[in-house]
Amino acid sequence: MAATDAKHGTTADGDDEPTDLHIPYKVPLDGETQAAMIGALVKYLLYQRGQIPWRLVHGAAKKARALVFSTDSLAQSSLPLIFSHRVRQVALLFGASIANPREVWLLKFQQHDSKAGSEVLTLSDRERRRRLCVQKIIRTVLGYATQHFVSAVAPTSIHLLFKAEVHEDDILQGFVPRPSWKLRVLKSKTHKRLHA
């Protein structure tokens, strides 16, 4: 099997000859198997080069679409309502259950002087500040990711735990208040802490 750049007819590094990848198979390859191999290779290469947002394996696209929809709904409706209260800590748990998450992110927000946050900003200044703060946390996480390899996992469930100052009569739709809760993370699981 030879890998060739179709646009220029050469390999990606500029050589005139294509790169040969010899993959020995001990079984005969019929047309159906060959078609499945090429289809899987195309999907994987598109995913690796960022052309598609997830690997197109059976069921993964449907799960990923549902995850994107629910995450977008969470970001636009529930999170602004929650953060209207004083949130001190957030735990992001990735996995099927809260009791046994695959990956945990703990975010602790520093408490600033209330006078410092009471300054009057225009709408464009608030949006600019928000955008810069978002960029900073994403860059921090990307910098961490380049130093520590984390294998990609299939789309999964996300659980959010908040430690906030909420009055007893405040009801947040879709969230269950718990007076006390301790997060237990196994040593074998991925666990990160962020301080903002």
Protein backbone atom coordinates (compact mmCIF):
# COMPACT_ATOMS: atom_id res chain seq x y z
CA MET A 1 0.00 0.00 0.00
CA ALA A 2 1.43 3.41 -0.95
CA ALA A 3 0.44 6.73 0.62
CA THR A 4 0.47 9.55 -1.94
CA ASP A 5 -0.61 13.19 -1.88
CA ALA A 6 -3.37 13.26 -4.53
CA LYS A 7 -3.06 17.00 -5.21
CA HIS A 8 0.61 16.96 -6.20
CA GLY A 9 1.25 13.26 -6.78
CA THR A 10 4.06 13.29 -4.23
CA THR A 11 4.43 12.57 -0.56
CA ALA A 12 3.72 15.26 2.01
CA ASP A 13 7.43 15.90 2.66
CA GLY A 14 8.06 16.82 -0.99
CA ASP A 15 9.81 13.64 -2.23
CA ASP A 16 9.07 12.55 -5.79
CA GLU A 17 8.38 8.97 -4.76
CA PRO A 18 5.33 8.02 -2.67
CA THR A 19 5.87 6.51 0.76
CA ASP A 20 5.37 2.74 0.71
CA LEU A 21 3.68 1.16 3.71
CA HIS A 22 3.80 -2.63 3.53
CA ILE A 23 1.04 -4.20 5.61
CA PRO A 24 1.13 -8.01 5.38
CA TYR A 25 -2.18 -9.87 5.62
CA LYS A 26 -2.26 -13.63 6.03
CA VAL A 27 -5.85 -13.89 4.81
CA PRO A 28 -7.23 -13.20 1.32
CA LEU A 29 -8.82 -9.76 0.99
CA ASP A 30 -12.14 -9.80 -0.84
CA GLY A 31 -13.79 -6.68 -2.26
CA GLU A 32 -16.02 -6.15 0.78
CA THR A 33 -13.04 -6.27 3.16
CA GLN A 34 -10.97 -3.94 0.98
CA ALA A 35 -13.86 -1.44 0.79
CA ALA A 36 -14.22 -1.52 4.59
CA MET A 37 -10.46 -1.00 5.02
CA ILE A 38 -10.33 2.03 2.71
CA GLY A 39 -13.49 3.53 4.23
CA ALA A 40 -12.08 3.20 7.75
CA LEU A 41 -8.73 4.66 6.64
CA VAL A 42 -10.38 7.68 5.00
CA LYS A 43 -12.47 8.37 8.12
CA TYR A 44 -9.45 8.02 10.39
CA LEU A 45 -7.24 10.31 8.27
CA LEU A 46 -9.97 12.95 8.10
CA TYR A 47 -10.30 12.79 11.90
CA GLN A 48 -6.52 12.97 12.47
CA ARG A 49 -6.24 16.05 10.24
CA GLY A 50 -9.12 17.86 11.96
CA GLN A 51 -11.49 17.66 8.98
CA ILE A 52 -14.20 15.93 11.04
CA PRO A 53 -14.73 16.43 14.79
CA TRP A 54 -14.89 12.77 15.81
CA ARG A 55 -13.98 9.35 14.53
CA LEU A 56 -16.78 7.96 12.38
CA VAL A 57 -17.23 4.62 14.07
CA HIS A 58 -20.57 2.87 14.51
CA GLY A 59 -22.74 4.83 16.93
CA ALA A 60 -20.08 7.42 17.78
CA ALA A 61 -21.47 10.12 15.47
CA LYS A 62 -24.95 9.83 17.00
CA LYS A 63 -23.53 9.99 20.54
CA ALA A 64 -21.30 12.93 19.63
CA ARG A 65 -24.21 14.89 18.12
CA ALA A 66 -26.30 14.29 21.26
CA LEU A 67 -23.37 15.33 23.45
CA VAL A 68 -22.80 18.53 21.44
CA PHE A 69 -26.50 19.42 21.63
CA SER A 70 -26.75 18.86 25.40
CA THR A 71 -23.47 20.70 26.06
CA ASP A 72 -24.61 23.67 23.98
CA SER A 73 -27.92 23.74 25.84
CA LEU A 74 -26.06 23.61 29.16
CA ALA A 75 -23.74 26.46 28.18
CA GLN A 76 -26.55 28.73 26.98
CA SER A 77 -29.18 28.19 29.67
CA SER A 78 -28.08 26.44 32.86
CA LEU A 79 -24.53 27.72 33.38
CA PRO A 80 -25.38 31.46 33.31
CA LEU A 81 -28.12 30.79 35.88
CA ILE A 82 -25.75 28.87 38.15
CA PHE A 83 -22.95 31.41 37.88
CA SER A 84 -25.31 34.22 38.86
CA HIS A 85 -24.63 32.82 42.35
CA ARG A 86 -21.16 32.92 43.89
CA VAL A 87 -19.52 29.75 42.58
CA ARG A 88 -16.35 28.78 44.43
CA GLN A 89 -15.53 25.37 42.94
CA VAL A 90 -16.59 23.31 39.94
CA ALA A 91 -15.91 19.62 39.33
CA LEU A 92 -16.20 18.30 35.77
CA LEU A 93 -16.58 14.52 35.74
CA PHE A 94 -16.30 12.66 32.44
CA GLY A 95 -17.71 9.14 32.52
CA ALA A 96 -20.88 7.12 32.74
CA SER A 97 -21.34 7.65 36.48
CA ILE A 98 -20.38 10.10 39.20
CA ALA A 99 -19.16 7.26 41.40
CA ASN A 100 -16.58 6.03 38.87
CA PRO A 101 -15.54 8.82 36.45
CA ARG A 102 -12.87 8.32 33.77
CA GLU A 103 -11.52 11.84 34.07
CA VAL A 104 -11.95 14.62 36.64
CA TRP A 105 -11.24 18.36 36.37
CA LEU A 106 -11.43 20.48 39.53
CA LEU A 107 -11.63 24.25 39.07
CA LYS A 108 -11.24 26.58 42.05
CA PHE A 109 -12.09 30.26 41.63
CA GLN A 110 -10.23 32.79 43.75
CA GLN A 111 -12.44 35.14 45.69
CA HIS A 112 -11.75 38.74 44.68
CA ASP A 113 -12.71 41.94 46.43
CA SER A 114 -16.32 42.78 45.61
CA LYS A 115 -15.35 46.41 44.92
CA ALA A 116 -12.95 45.31 42.17
CA GLY A 117 -15.73 43.50 40.31
CA SER A 118 -18.23 46.33 40.61
CA GLU A 119 -16.60 48.59 38.01
CA VAL A 120 -18.89 49.70 35.20
CA LEU A 121 -17.92 48.23 31.82
CA THR A 122 -19.48 48.72 28.43
CA LEU A 123 -20.94 45.72 26.64
CA SER A 124 -17.96 45.48 24.27
CA ASP A 125 -15.50 45.69 27.19
CA ARG A 126 -17.33 42.89 29.03
CA GLU A 127 -17.33 40.70 25.91
CA ARG A 128 -13.63 41.39 25.35
CA ARG A 129 -12.77 40.53 28.96
CA ARG A 130 -14.86 37.35 28.75
CA ARG A 131 -13.17 36.32 25.49
CA LEU A 132 -9.67 36.90 26.92
CA CYS A 133 -10.47 34.89 30.06
CA VAL A 134 -11.80 32.01 27.95
CA GLN A 135 -8.67 32.10 25.75
CA LYS A 136 -6.44 32.01 28.82
CA ILE A 137 -8.04 28.91 30.33
CA ILE A 138 -8.06 27.11 26.96
CA ARG A 139 -4.37 27.95 26.37
CA THR A 140 -3.52 26.67 29.84
CA VAL A 141 -5.30 23.38 29.18
CA LEU A 142 -3.72 23.05 25.70
CA GLY A 143 -0.28 23.70 27.20
CA TYR A 144 -0.92 20.93 29.70
CA ALA A 145 -2.17 18.58 26.98
CA THR A 146 1.00 18.98 24.89
CA GLN A 147 3.12 17.89 27.87
CA HIS A 148 0.89 15.04 29.05
CA PHE A 149 -0.53 12.66 26.48
CA VAL A 150 -4.12 11.74 27.15
CA SER A 151 -5.68 9.10 24.91
CA ALA A 152 -8.93 10.12 23.25
CA VAL A 153 -12.08 8.45 24.48
CA ALA A 154 -15.44 8.01 22.82
CA PRO A 155 -18.15 10.60 23.54
CA THR A 156 -19.34 10.08 27.09
CA SER A 157 -21.43 11.68 29.81
CA ILE A 158 -20.42 14.87 31.61
CA HIS A 159 -21.42 15.50 35.22
CA LEU A 160 -20.96 18.93 36.80
CA LEU A 161 -20.73 19.56 40.53
CA PHE A 162 -20.79 23.12 41.86
CA LYS A 163 -19.89 24.54 45.24
CA ALA A 164 -21.80 27.81 45.36
CA GLU A 165 -23.67 30.15 47.65
CA VAL A 166 -27.28 29.29 46.83
CA HIS A 167 -30.28 30.13 49.01
CA GLU A 168 -32.61 27.30 49.99
CA ASP A 169 -35.53 28.80 48.05
CA ASP A 170 -33.53 28.98 44.80
CA ILE A 171 -34.38 26.06 42.53
CA LEU A 172 -32.03 25.45 39.61
CA GLN A 173 -33.72 23.39 36.93
CA GLY A 174 -31.96 20.07 36.29
CA PHE A 175 -29.70 20.33 39.36
CA VAL A 176 -30.06 18.52 42.67
CA PRO A 177 -28.77 20.33 45.78
CA ARG A 178 -26.62 18.30 48.17
CA PRO A 179 -25.58 19.73 51.52
CA SER A 180 -22.27 17.85 51.53
CA TRP A 181 -20.48 15.71 48.98
CA LYS A 182 -16.93 14.39 48.81
CA LEU A 183 -15.35 13.48 45.50
CA ARG A 184 -13.41 10.23 45.54
CA VAL A 185 -10.94 9.76 42.68
CA LEU A 186 -9.00 6.55 42.19
CA LYS A 187 -5.26 6.96 41.71
CA SER A 188 -5.45 5.26 38.31
CA LYS A 189 -7.88 7.86 36.95
CA THR A 190 -6.93 11.12 35.25
CA HIS A 191 -7.29 13.99 37.71
CA LYS A 192 -6.43 17.65 37.04
CA ARG A 193 -6.71 20.82 39.10
CA LEU A 194 -7.13 24.33 37.69
CA HIS A 195 -7.06 27.52 39.72
CA ALA A 196 -8.67 30.64 38.25
